[in-house]
Amino acid sequence: ASKVSLSTLEKASRVGVASSLFMDKLPNNYFDQGVAKADLIGGRTSRKPIKSEIEGGIDEQVYYEFDVAFAPKECPDFSAGNKENLGLGFCPYDNIFLVSATVLENDDGSGNMIVAVLECNKDEWKIGNADLKRARSSFTVERG
């Protein structure tokens, strides 16, 4: 198996979130293949406590959070009845994906990438974007 490390996530904003998180490789085309062309809207890192492999110790686990979105395939003009196109040359995103990812390292130096994805449409985003971001930020992993 290939080694997965935090450097994979560190590079995600440069090489593409979808390919770095293997979203375009999931079976049954769970994510539309257009996920590779999605726009990266924002990203940040956070650190959360995790049990150390040493008895009673606490370490920090690094999480990478990404906001990724798909633009609509077509964006009719305002004059054609599309109230969302305000003449700025783009329409609001159809789907927004809030992603949190981390790599849990194993004793042998390899790692397991663990990813949580929250998906919403533009109407759900308008209503609850702050709550959705809080839900994404609540994602944590624990050592077994």
N, C-alpha and C. Protein backbone atom coordinates (compact mmCIF):
# COMPACT_ATOMS: atom_id res chain seq x y z
N ALA A 1 0.85 -1.19 0.00
CA ALA A 1 0.00 0.00 0.00
C ALA A 1 0.88 1.24 0.00
N SER A 2 0.43 2.27 -0.67
CA SER A 2 1.20 3.50 -0.71
C SER A 2 1.08 4.24 0.61
N LYS A 3 2.10 4.99 0.94
CA LYS A 3 2.11 5.74 2.19
C LYS A 3 1.29 7.01 2.02
N VAL A 4 0.38 7.22 2.94
CA VAL A 4 -0.41 8.45 2.98
C VAL A 4 0.07 9.22 4.20
N SER A 5 0.36 10.51 4.00
CA SER A 5 0.84 11.32 5.11
C SER A 5 0.15 12.68 5.08
N LEU A 6 0.42 13.48 6.10
CA LEU A 6 -0.15 14.82 6.14
C LEU A 6 0.30 15.67 4.96
N SER A 7 1.44 15.36 4.37
CA SER A 7 1.90 16.13 3.22
C SER A 7 0.92 16.01 2.05
N THR A 8 0.21 14.90 1.97
CA THR A 8 -0.82 14.73 0.94
C THR A 8 -1.88 15.81 1.09
N LEU A 9 -2.28 16.09 2.33
CA LEU A 9 -3.29 17.11 2.59
C LEU A 9 -2.72 18.51 2.45
N GLU A 10 -1.45 18.68 2.81
CA GLU A 10 -0.81 19.99 2.69
C GLU A 10 -0.78 20.45 1.24
N LYS A 11 -0.67 19.53 0.31
CA LYS A 11 -0.58 19.84 -1.13
C LYS A 11 -1.95 19.99 -1.79
N ALA A 12 -3.01 19.66 -1.07
CA ALA A 12 -4.35 19.60 -1.67
C ALA A 12 -4.77 20.90 -2.34
N SER A 13 -4.44 22.03 -1.75
CA SER A 13 -4.88 23.29 -2.35
C SER A 13 -4.13 23.60 -3.65
N ARG A 14 -2.97 22.99 -3.83
CA ARG A 14 -2.20 23.22 -5.06
C ARG A 14 -2.51 22.19 -6.14
N VAL A 15 -2.71 20.94 -5.77
CA VAL A 15 -2.90 19.89 -6.77
C VAL A 15 -4.36 19.49 -6.95
N GLY A 16 -5.23 19.99 -6.09
CA GLY A 16 -6.65 19.68 -6.20
C GLY A 16 -7.14 18.88 -5.02
N VAL A 17 -8.18 19.37 -4.38
CA VAL A 17 -8.73 18.71 -3.21
C VAL A 17 -9.28 17.34 -3.57
N ALA A 18 -10.04 17.26 -4.65
CA ALA A 18 -10.67 15.99 -5.02
C ALA A 18 -9.66 14.89 -5.26
N SER A 19 -8.59 15.19 -5.98
CA SER A 19 -7.60 14.13 -6.25
C SER A 19 -6.78 13.82 -5.00
N SER A 20 -6.47 14.83 -4.18
CA SER A 20 -5.71 14.58 -2.96
C SER A 20 -6.48 13.71 -1.97
N LEU A 21 -7.80 13.87 -1.97
CA LEU A 21 -8.64 13.09 -1.06
C LEU A 21 -9.23 11.85 -1.73
N PHE A 22 -8.80 11.59 -2.97
CA PHE A 22 -9.25 10.42 -3.74
C PHE A 22 -10.76 10.41 -3.97
N MET A 23 -11.39 11.60 -3.95
CA MET A 23 -12.83 11.69 -4.16
C MET A 23 -13.21 11.25 -5.57
N ASP A 24 -12.32 11.46 -6.52
CA ASP A 24 -12.61 11.09 -7.90
C ASP A 24 -12.37 9.60 -8.16
N LYS A 25 -11.93 8.86 -7.14
CA LYS A 25 -11.63 7.43 -7.30
C LYS A 25 -12.62 6.53 -6.58
N LEU A 26 -13.60 7.11 -5.90
CA LEU A 26 -14.55 6.30 -5.16
C LEU A 26 -15.40 5.46 -6.10
N PRO A 27 -15.78 4.24 -5.69
CA PRO A 27 -16.59 3.37 -6.55
C PRO A 27 -17.99 3.93 -6.78
N ASN A 28 -18.61 3.46 -7.81
CA ASN A 28 -19.99 3.82 -8.17
C ASN A 28 -20.17 5.30 -8.45
N ASN A 29 -19.07 6.00 -8.81
CA ASN A 29 -19.14 7.43 -9.12
C ASN A 29 -19.93 8.20 -8.07
N TYR A 30 -19.63 7.91 -6.79
CA TYR A 30 -20.36 8.56 -5.70
C TYR A 30 -20.36 10.07 -5.88
N PHE A 31 -19.19 10.62 -6.19
CA PHE A 31 -19.10 12.04 -6.53
C PHE A 31 -19.04 12.13 -8.04
N ASP A 32 -19.79 13.04 -8.61
CA ASP A 32 -19.74 13.29 -10.03
C ASP A 32 -18.29 13.51 -10.44
N GLN A 33 -17.91 13.05 -11.60
CA GLN A 33 -16.52 13.19 -12.04
C GLN A 33 -16.11 14.65 -12.19
N GLY A 34 -17.10 15.55 -12.18
CA GLY A 34 -16.80 16.97 -12.21
C GLY A 34 -16.17 17.46 -10.92
N VAL A 35 -16.14 16.61 -9.89
CA VAL A 35 -15.56 17.00 -8.61
C VAL A 35 -14.10 17.42 -8.78
N ALA A 36 -13.43 16.86 -9.77
CA ALA A 36 -12.03 17.22 -10.01
C ALA A 36 -11.90 18.67 -10.48
N LYS A 37 -12.98 19.23 -11.03
CA LYS A 37 -12.94 20.59 -11.53
C LYS A 37 -13.62 21.59 -10.59
N ALA A 38 -14.00 21.13 -9.42
CA ALA A 38 -14.69 22.02 -8.47
C ALA A 38 -13.75 23.12 -8.00
N ASP A 39 -14.34 24.24 -7.64
CA ASP A 39 -13.56 25.38 -7.16
C ASP A 39 -13.26 25.24 -5.67
N LEU A 40 -12.04 25.55 -5.30
CA LEU A 40 -11.67 25.61 -3.90
C LEU A 40 -12.01 27.02 -3.41
N ILE A 41 -12.96 27.11 -2.52
CA ILE A 41 -13.42 28.40 -2.02
C ILE A 41 -12.59 28.85 -0.81
N GLY A 42 -12.26 27.91 0.04
CA GLY A 42 -11.49 28.26 1.22
C GLY A 42 -10.89 27.03 1.85
N GLY A 43 -9.91 27.25 2.71
CA GLY A 43 -9.28 26.15 3.42
C GLY A 43 -8.57 26.64 4.66
N ARG A 44 -8.45 25.78 5.63
CA ARG A 44 -7.73 26.11 6.85
C ARG A 44 -7.32 24.83 7.55
N THR A 45 -6.43 24.98 8.52
CA THR A 45 -6.05 23.84 9.35
C THR A 45 -6.48 24.13 10.77
N SER A 46 -6.69 23.05 11.51
CA SER A 46 -6.97 23.17 12.94
C SER A 46 -6.27 22.02 13.65
N ARG A 47 -6.07 22.19 14.91
CA ARG A 47 -5.42 21.16 15.74
C ARG A 47 -6.35 20.83 16.89
N LYS A 48 -6.52 19.52 17.11
CA LYS A 48 -7.40 19.05 18.18
C LYS A 48 -6.67 17.98 18.97
N PRO A 49 -6.97 17.86 20.26
CA PRO A 49 -6.29 16.86 21.08
C PRO A 49 -6.69 15.43 20.69
N ILE A 50 -5.74 14.53 20.84
CA ILE A 50 -5.98 13.11 20.60
C ILE A 50 -5.11 12.33 21.59
N LYS A 51 -5.62 11.19 22.03
CA LYS A 51 -4.84 10.35 22.95
C LYS A 51 -3.52 9.97 22.32
N SER A 52 -2.47 10.10 23.09
CA SER A 52 -1.14 9.71 22.62
C SER A 52 -1.02 8.19 22.62
N GLU A 53 -0.09 7.70 21.85
CA GLU A 53 0.18 6.26 21.88
C GLU A 53 0.89 5.89 23.18
N ILE A 54 1.42 6.90 23.87
CA ILE A 54 2.03 6.68 25.17
C ILE A 54 0.94 6.77 26.22
N GLU A 55 0.87 5.80 27.09
CA GLU A 55 -0.17 5.71 28.12
C GLU A 55 -0.38 7.04 28.84
N GLY A 56 -1.61 7.55 28.81
CA GLY A 56 -1.97 8.76 29.53
C GLY A 56 -1.58 10.07 28.86
N GLY A 57 -0.89 10.01 27.73
CA GLY A 57 -0.46 11.23 27.06
C GLY A 57 -1.49 11.78 26.09
N ILE A 58 -1.30 13.04 25.74
CA ILE A 58 -2.17 13.72 24.78
C ILE A 58 -1.30 14.32 23.68
N ASP A 59 -1.68 14.09 22.43
CA ASP A 59 -1.00 14.68 21.28
C ASP A 59 -1.97 15.64 20.60
N GLU A 60 -1.49 16.27 19.52
CA GLU A 60 -2.35 17.10 18.68
C GLU A 60 -2.52 16.42 17.33
N GLN A 61 -3.75 16.40 16.85
CA GLN A 61 -4.06 15.87 15.53
C GLN A 61 -4.38 17.05 14.63
N VAL A 62 -3.75 17.10 13.45
CA VAL A 62 -3.98 18.20 12.52
C VAL A 62 -5.10 17.82 11.55
N TYR A 63 -6.05 18.73 11.38
CA TYR A 63 -7.17 18.55 10.46
C TYR A 63 -7.09 19.63 9.38
N TYR A 64 -7.39 19.25 8.16
CA TYR A 64 -7.46 20.19 7.04
C TYR A 64 -8.92 20.32 6.65
N GLU A 65 -9.40 21.55 6.61
CA GLU A 65 -10.78 21.81 6.23
C GLU A 65 -10.80 22.56 4.91
N PHE A 66 -11.67 22.10 4.01
CA PHE A 66 -11.78 22.70 2.68
C PHE A 66 -13.24 22.99 2.38
N ASP A 67 -13.49 24.12 1.74
CA ASP A 67 -14.81 24.45 1.19
C ASP A 67 -14.66 24.33 -0.32
N VAL A 68 -15.39 23.40 -0.91
CA VAL A 68 -15.29 23.12 -2.34
C VAL A 68 -16.69 23.26 -2.94
N ALA A 69 -16.80 23.84 -4.14
CA ALA A 69 -18.12 24.07 -4.73
C ALA A 69 -18.12 23.88 -6.23
N PHE A 70 -19.30 23.51 -6.75
CA PHE A 70 -19.53 23.33 -8.18
C PHE A 70 -20.36 24.47 -8.72
N ALA A 71 -19.91 25.06 -9.80
CA ALA A 71 -20.70 26.08 -10.49
C ALA A 71 -21.74 25.36 -11.37
N PRO A 72 -22.86 26.02 -11.64
CA PRO A 72 -23.84 25.40 -12.54
C PRO A 72 -23.28 25.28 -13.95
N LYS A 73 -23.78 24.29 -14.69
CA LYS A 73 -23.31 24.09 -16.07
C LYS A 73 -23.70 25.27 -16.95
N GLU A 74 -24.86 25.85 -16.67
CA GLU A 74 -25.34 27.00 -17.45
C GLU A 74 -25.79 28.09 -16.49
N CYS A 75 -25.66 29.32 -16.96
CA CYS A 75 -26.08 30.46 -16.14
C CYS A 75 -26.79 31.47 -17.05
N PRO A 76 -28.11 31.30 -17.24
CA PRO A 76 -28.84 32.22 -18.11
C PRO A 76 -28.75 33.66 -17.58
N ASP A 77 -28.90 34.61 -18.48
CA ASP A 77 -28.85 36.03 -18.12
C ASP A 77 -30.03 36.41 -17.25
N PHE A 78 -29.85 37.51 -16.53
CA PHE A 78 -30.92 38.08 -15.72
C PHE A 78 -32.12 38.40 -16.60
N SER A 79 -31.84 38.89 -17.80
CA SER A 79 -32.92 39.24 -18.73
C SER A 79 -33.73 38.02 -19.17
N ALA A 80 -33.12 36.83 -19.05
CA ALA A 80 -33.82 35.59 -19.41
C ALA A 80 -34.61 35.03 -18.23
N GLY A 81 -34.70 35.81 -17.16
CA GLY A 81 -35.50 35.38 -16.01
C GLY A 81 -34.69 34.78 -14.88
N ASN A 82 -33.38 34.72 -15.00
CA ASN A 82 -32.55 34.16 -13.94
C ASN A 82 -32.22 35.26 -12.94
N LYS A 83 -32.90 35.26 -11.81
CA LYS A 83 -32.72 36.31 -10.81
C LYS A 83 -31.40 36.17 -10.04
N GLU A 84 -30.71 35.05 -10.20
CA GLU A 84 -29.45 34.86 -9.48
C GLU A 84 -28.25 35.40 -10.25
N ASN A 85 -28.40 35.61 -11.56
CA ASN A 85 -27.31 36.17 -12.35
C ASN A 85 -27.47 37.68 -12.34
N LEU A 86 -26.61 38.34 -11.60
CA LEU A 86 -26.71 39.79 -11.47
C LEU A 86 -25.79 40.51 -12.43
N GLY A 87 -25.38 39.82 -13.50
CA GLY A 87 -24.54 40.44 -14.50
C GLY A 87 -23.07 40.43 -14.13
N LEU A 88 -22.70 39.62 -13.16
CA LEU A 88 -21.31 39.55 -12.72
C LEU A 88 -20.52 38.47 -13.45
N GLY A 89 -21.20 37.73 -14.32
CA GLY A 89 -20.52 36.71 -15.10
C GLY A 89 -20.52 35.32 -14.46
N PHE A 90 -21.19 35.16 -13.34
CA PHE A 90 -21.28 33.85 -12.71
C PHE A 90 -22.58 33.75 -11.93
N CYS A 91 -22.96 32.52 -11.63
CA CYS A 91 -24.14 32.25 -10.80
C CYS A 91 -23.67 31.63 -9.50
N PRO A 92 -24.52 31.64 -8.47
CA PRO A 92 -24.15 30.97 -7.22
C PRO A 92 -23.89 29.49 -7.47
N TYR A 93 -23.07 28.91 -6.65
CA TYR A 93 -22.74 27.49 -6.79
C TYR A 93 -23.97 26.62 -6.57
N ASP A 94 -24.05 25.52 -7.33
CA ASP A 94 -25.15 24.57 -7.17
C ASP A 94 -24.96 23.70 -5.94
N ASN A 95 -23.77 23.16 -5.77
CA ASN A 95 -23.48 22.25 -4.66
C ASN A 95 -22.22 22.70 -3.94
N ILE A 96 -22.28 22.64 -2.63
CA ILE A 96 -21.14 23.00 -1.79
C ILE A 96 -20.77 21.78 -0.96
N PHE A 97 -19.47 21.50 -0.89
CA PHE A 97 -18.96 20.39 -0.10
C PHE A 97 -18.04 20.95 0.97
N LEU A 98 -18.36 20.68 2.22
CA LEU A 98 -17.50 21.06 3.33
C LEU A 98 -16.76 19.81 3.76
N VAL A 99 -15.45 19.86 3.68
CA VAL A 99 -14.62 18.68 3.87
C VAL A 99 -13.69 18.89 5.06
N SER A 100 -13.54 17.86 5.87
CA SER A 100 -12.53 17.84 6.93
C SER A 100 -11.77 16.53 6.77
N ALA A 101 -10.44 16.63 6.78
CA ALA A 101 -9.62 15.43 6.56
C ALA A 101 -8.42 15.44 7.48
N THR A 102 -7.99 14.25 7.85
CA THR A 102 -6.79 14.10 8.66
C THR A 102 -6.15 12.77 8.31
N VAL A 103 -4.90 12.61 8.71
CA VAL A 103 -4.20 11.35 8.51
C VAL A 103 -3.78 10.84 9.88
N LEU A 104 -4.23 9.65 10.22
CA LEU A 104 -3.87 9.00 11.47
C LEU A 104 -2.70 8.08 11.18
N GLU A 105 -1.55 8.43 11.73
CA GLU A 105 -0.33 7.67 11.43
C GLU A 105 -0.27 6.38 12.22
N ASN A 106 0.23 5.33 11.55
CA ASN A 106 0.41 4.01 12.16
C ASN A 106 1.84 3.87 12.66
N ASP A 107 2.07 2.83 13.45
CA ASP A 107 3.41 2.58 14.00
C ASP A 107 4.46 2.38 12.91
N ASP A 108 4.05 1.82 11.76
CA ASP A 108 5.02 1.50 10.70
C ASP A 108 5.32 2.70 9.79
N GLY A 109 4.78 3.89 10.12
CA GLY A 109 5.06 5.07 9.31
C GLY A 109 4.03 5.32 8.22
N SER A 110 3.17 4.34 7.97
CA SER A 110 2.10 4.56 6.99
C SER A 110 0.99 5.34 7.69
N GLY A 111 0.00 5.72 6.95
CA GLY A 111 -1.10 6.46 7.55
C GLY A 111 -2.43 6.13 6.92
N ASN A 112 -3.48 6.34 7.67
CA ASN A 112 -4.84 6.17 7.18
C ASN A 112 -5.49 7.54 7.07
N MET A 113 -5.93 7.90 5.87
CA MET A 113 -6.62 9.16 5.69
C MET A 113 -8.08 8.95 6.05
N ILE A 114 -8.60 9.85 6.88
CA ILE A 114 -9.98 9.79 7.30
C ILE A 114 -10.62 11.12 6.90
N VAL A 115 -11.76 11.04 6.18
CA VAL A 115 -12.37 12.22 5.59
C VAL A 115 -13.85 12.27 5.95
N ALA A 116 -14.34 13.44 6.32
CA ALA A 116 -15.77 13.68 6.50
C ALA A 116 -16.19 14.73 5.48
N VAL A 117 -17.31 14.49 4.81
CA VAL A 117 -17.80 15.41 3.79
C VAL A 117 -19.27 15.73 4.08
N LEU A 118 -19.56 17.02 4.17
CA LEU A 118 -20.94 17.50 4.27
C LEU A 118 -21.29 18.12 2.92
N GLU A 119 -22.39 17.67 2.35
CA GLU A 119 -22.81 18.20 1.05
C GLU A 119 -24.13 18.93 1.21
N CYS A 120 -24.23 20.09 0.55
CA CYS A 120 -25.50 20.81 0.57
C CYS A 120 -25.70 21.51 -0.77
N ASN A 121 -26.95 21.87 -1.05
CA ASN A 121 -27.23 22.65 -2.26
C ASN A 121 -27.26 24.13 -1.88
N LYS A 122 -27.45 24.99 -2.87
CA LYS A 122 -27.35 26.44 -2.60
C LYS A 122 -28.43 26.93 -1.64
N ASP A 123 -29.62 26.32 -1.68
CA ASP A 123 -30.69 26.76 -0.77
C ASP A 123 -30.37 26.36 0.67
N GLU A 124 -29.88 25.13 0.87
CA GLU A 124 -29.47 24.69 2.20
C GLU A 124 -28.31 25.55 2.72
N TRP A 125 -27.39 25.93 1.81
CA TRP A 125 -26.26 26.76 2.19
C TRP A 125 -26.72 28.13 2.69
N LYS A 126 -27.70 28.73 1.97
CA LYS A 126 -28.19 30.05 2.36
C LYS A 126 -28.79 30.02 3.76
N ILE A 127 -29.49 28.95 4.08
CA ILE A 127 -30.18 28.84 5.36
C ILE A 127 -29.23 28.50 6.50
N GLY A 128 -28.31 27.58 6.26
CA GLY A 128 -27.56 27.04 7.40
C GLY A 128 -26.06 26.97 7.27
N ASN A 129 -25.42 27.88 6.53
CA ASN A 129 -23.98 27.72 6.31
C ASN A 129 -23.17 27.74 7.60
N ALA A 130 -23.53 28.56 8.56
CA ALA A 130 -22.78 28.60 9.83
C ALA A 130 -22.92 27.28 10.59
N ASP A 131 -24.14 26.73 10.61
CA ASP A 131 -24.36 25.45 11.29
C ASP A 131 -23.63 24.32 10.58
N LEU A 132 -23.63 24.36 9.25
CA LEU A 132 -22.93 23.32 8.49
C LEU A 132 -21.43 23.37 8.76
N LYS A 133 -20.87 24.57 8.83
CA LYS A 133 -19.44 24.69 9.12
C LYS A 133 -19.12 24.21 10.53
N ARG A 134 -20.01 24.50 11.49
CA ARG A 134 -19.81 24.00 12.86
C ARG A 134 -19.86 22.48 12.90
N ALA A 135 -20.79 21.90 12.14
CA ALA A 135 -20.88 20.43 12.09
C ALA A 135 -19.60 19.84 11.50
N ARG A 136 -19.09 20.45 10.44
CA ARG A 136 -17.83 19.98 9.84
C ARG A 136 -16.69 20.07 10.84
N SER A 137 -16.63 21.16 11.58
CA SER A 137 -15.55 21.37 12.54
C SER A 137 -15.62 20.44 13.74
N SER A 138 -16.76 19.80 13.94
CA SER A 138 -16.90 18.87 15.07
C SER A 138 -16.29 17.51 14.79
N PHE A 139 -15.87 17.28 13.55
CA PHE A 139 -15.27 15.99 13.15
C PHE A 139 -13.96 15.76 13.88
N THR A 140 -13.85 14.63 14.58
CA THR A 140 -12.61 14.25 15.25
C THR A 140 -12.39 12.75 15.09
N VAL A 141 -11.16 12.32 15.25
CA VAL A 141 -10.84 10.89 15.25
C VAL A 141 -10.19 10.55 16.59
N GLU A 142 -10.24 9.27 16.92
CA GLU A 142 -9.61 8.78 18.14
C GLU A 142 -8.80 7.54 17.82
N ARG A 143 -7.77 7.34 18.57
CA ARG A 143 -7.01 6.11 18.44
C ARG A 143 -7.73 5.00 19.16
N GLY A 144 -7.71 3.81 18.56
CA GLY A 144 -8.42 2.67 19.12
C GLY A 144 -7.75 1.99 20.20
